[in-house]
C-alpha cells in the first residue's frame, strides 16, 4: 500500500506511522504541497491519502478541492480528538473517512486489506 501523507506538525504520529509502514512494507510519502500529487495521478493501485485535519482545519475546503483536482484516491481525514462538527463538515466536503489518528494506526492493516479488495473489484 502507498500512503501519501499531509502532516505539518504532529511529528510523534508521523514517526509511529513510519515505523508501522516500515514493518509492513508500506510505502509512505510525505508531501508538503498538493500540487506534488500530479506525479501520482496515473498510479491507482492501493494508494491512500491521509491528511491531518488539525493542521488544515482552517482551509479544509481548499485542501480537498486541491487534492481532488489532481488525483482520485481515497482521502482519510485524521484528527487528534473526534469533533462531531468537524467530522460532519469534512464528510460533507468529500473526505471518505474521518477517524482519530490512534484509530488509524490501530486499524492500518485492516485498511490495507480493504484497499486491496477494492482495487481488485475495480
Protein backbone atom coordinates (compact mmCIF):
# COMPACT_ATOMS: atom_id res chain seq x y z
CA UNK A 1 0.00 0.00 0.00
CA UNK A 2 1.15 3.52 -0.74
CA UNK A 3 0.22 6.21 1.78
CA UNK A 4 0.58 9.83 0.77
CA UNK A 5 0.56 11.97 3.90
CA UNK A 6 -0.02 15.66 4.51
CA UNK A 7 1.10 16.44 8.06
CA UNK A 8 2.78 19.63 9.23
CA UNK A 9 3.08 19.43 12.99
CA UNK A 10 2.46 16.00 14.52
CA UNK A 11 5.94 14.52 14.50
CA UNK A 12 5.12 11.78 17.00
CA UNK A 13 2.29 10.44 14.86
CA UNK A 14 4.46 10.67 11.75
CA UNK A 15 7.21 8.67 13.44
CA UNK A 16 4.81 5.97 14.65
CA UNK A 17 3.23 5.75 11.19
CA UNK A 18 6.66 5.49 9.54
CA UNK A 19 7.63 2.66 11.88
CA UNK A 20 4.43 0.72 11.15
CA UNK A 21 4.80 1.28 7.39
CA UNK A 22 8.39 0.07 7.53
CA UNK A 23 7.43 -3.12 9.38
CA UNK A 24 4.56 -3.84 6.98
CA UNK A 25 6.49 -2.84 3.83
CA UNK A 26 4.13 0.01 3.00
CA UNK A 27 5.39 2.97 1.04
CA UNK A 28 4.96 6.21 2.99
CA UNK A 29 5.36 9.53 1.21
CA UNK A 30 5.19 12.89 2.99
CA UNK A 31 4.29 15.79 0.73
CA UNK A 32 4.15 19.45 1.63
CA UNK A 33 2.04 20.69 -1.26
CA UNK A 34 -0.98 19.30 -3.06
CA UNK A 35 0.47 20.21 -6.46
CA UNK A 36 3.05 17.42 -5.93
CA UNK A 37 0.22 14.89 -6.30
CA UNK A 38 0.39 15.29 -10.08
CA UNK A 39 3.24 12.78 -10.25
CA UNK A 40 0.98 10.08 -8.75
CA UNK A 41 -2.05 10.75 -10.95
CA UNK A 42 -1.79 7.58 -13.05
CA UNK A 43 -0.79 5.27 -10.19
CA UNK A 44 -4.06 3.97 -8.80
CA UNK A 45 -3.15 0.71 -7.11
CA UNK A 46 -3.62 0.65 -3.35
CA UNK A 47 -2.93 4.34 -2.78
CA UNK A 48 -4.42 6.26 0.11
CA UNK A 49 -4.16 9.93 1.01
CA UNK A 50 -4.18 10.92 4.66
CA UNK A 51 -4.43 14.50 5.79
CA UNK A 52 -4.13 15.93 9.28
CA UNK A 53 -7.39 17.81 9.76
CA UNK A 54 -5.94 19.62 12.77
CA UNK A 55 -3.25 21.13 10.52
CA UNK A 56 -5.60 22.04 7.67
CA UNK A 57 -8.87 22.82 9.50
CA UNK A 58 -8.85 26.50 8.55
CA UNK A 59 -8.87 25.66 4.85
CA UNK A 60 -10.24 22.13 4.55
CA UNK A 61 -12.46 23.06 1.61
CA UNK A 62 -9.49 24.30 -0.41
CA UNK A 63 -7.39 21.31 0.61
CA UNK A 64 -9.95 18.72 -0.51
CA UNK A 65 -10.58 20.58 -3.77
CA UNK A 66 -6.85 20.75 -4.50
CA UNK A 67 -6.43 17.04 -3.81
CA UNK A 68 -9.42 16.03 -5.94
CA UNK A 69 -8.20 18.25 -8.78
CA UNK A 70 -5.03 16.14 -9.01
CA UNK A 71 -5.95 12.56 -8.05
CA UNK A 72 -8.88 10.27 -7.35
CA UNK A 73 -7.59 8.29 -4.34
CA UNK A 74 -9.47 7.63 -1.12
CA UNK A 75 -8.92 10.51 1.31
CA UNK A 76 -8.81 9.86 5.03
CA UNK A 77 -9.01 12.78 7.40
CA UNK A 78 -7.18 12.17 10.65
CA UNK A 79 -7.76 14.16 13.81
CA UNK A 80 -6.37 14.11 17.34
CA UNK A 81 -9.72 14.13 19.12
CA UNK A 82 -13.03 13.48 17.40
CA UNK A 83 -15.19 16.57 16.98
CA UNK A 84 -18.65 15.95 15.51
CA UNK A 85 -18.86 19.39 13.90
CA UNK A 86 -15.54 18.97 12.08
CA UNK A 87 -16.45 15.36 11.25
CA UNK A 88 -19.72 16.38 9.58
CA UNK A 89 -18.09 19.21 7.67
CA UNK A 90 -15.18 17.07 6.43
CA UNK A 91 -17.53 14.30 5.31
CA UNK A 92 -19.77 16.82 3.56
CA UNK A 93 -16.93 18.32 1.53
CA UNK A 94 -15.60 14.97 0.32
CA UNK A 95 -13.39 13.13 2.79
CA UNK A 96 -14.04 9.39 2.54
CA UNK A 97 -13.42 8.64 6.20
CA UNK A 98 -12.70 10.70 9.30
CA UNK A 99 -11.04 8.98 12.25
CA UNK A 100 -8.70 9.67 15.09
CA UNK A 101 -5.00 9.21 14.47
CA UNK A 102 -4.81 6.48 17.09
CA UNK A 103 -7.66 4.54 15.44
CA UNK A 104 -5.94 4.83 12.07
CA UNK A 105 -2.71 3.37 13.46
CA UNK A 106 -4.64 0.62 15.22
CA UNK A 107 -6.59 -0.30 12.06
CA UNK A 108 -3.97 0.24 9.37
CA UNK A 109 -3.72 -3.45 8.48
CA UNK A 110 -7.50 -3.71 8.04
CA UNK A 111 -7.49 -0.57 5.91
CA UNK A 112 -4.74 -2.07 3.76
CA UNK A 113 -6.81 -5.24 3.20
CA UNK A 114 -9.89 -3.20 2.29
CA UNK A 115 -7.92 -1.13 -0.23
CA UNK A 116 -6.54 -4.30 -1.85
CA UNK A 117 -10.01 -5.81 -2.09
CA UNK A 118 -11.47 -2.61 -3.53
CA UNK A 119 -8.74 -2.35 -6.18
CA UNK A 120 -9.37 -5.94 -7.26
CA UNK A 121 -13.07 -5.22 -7.79
CA UNK A 122 -12.47 -2.14 -9.96
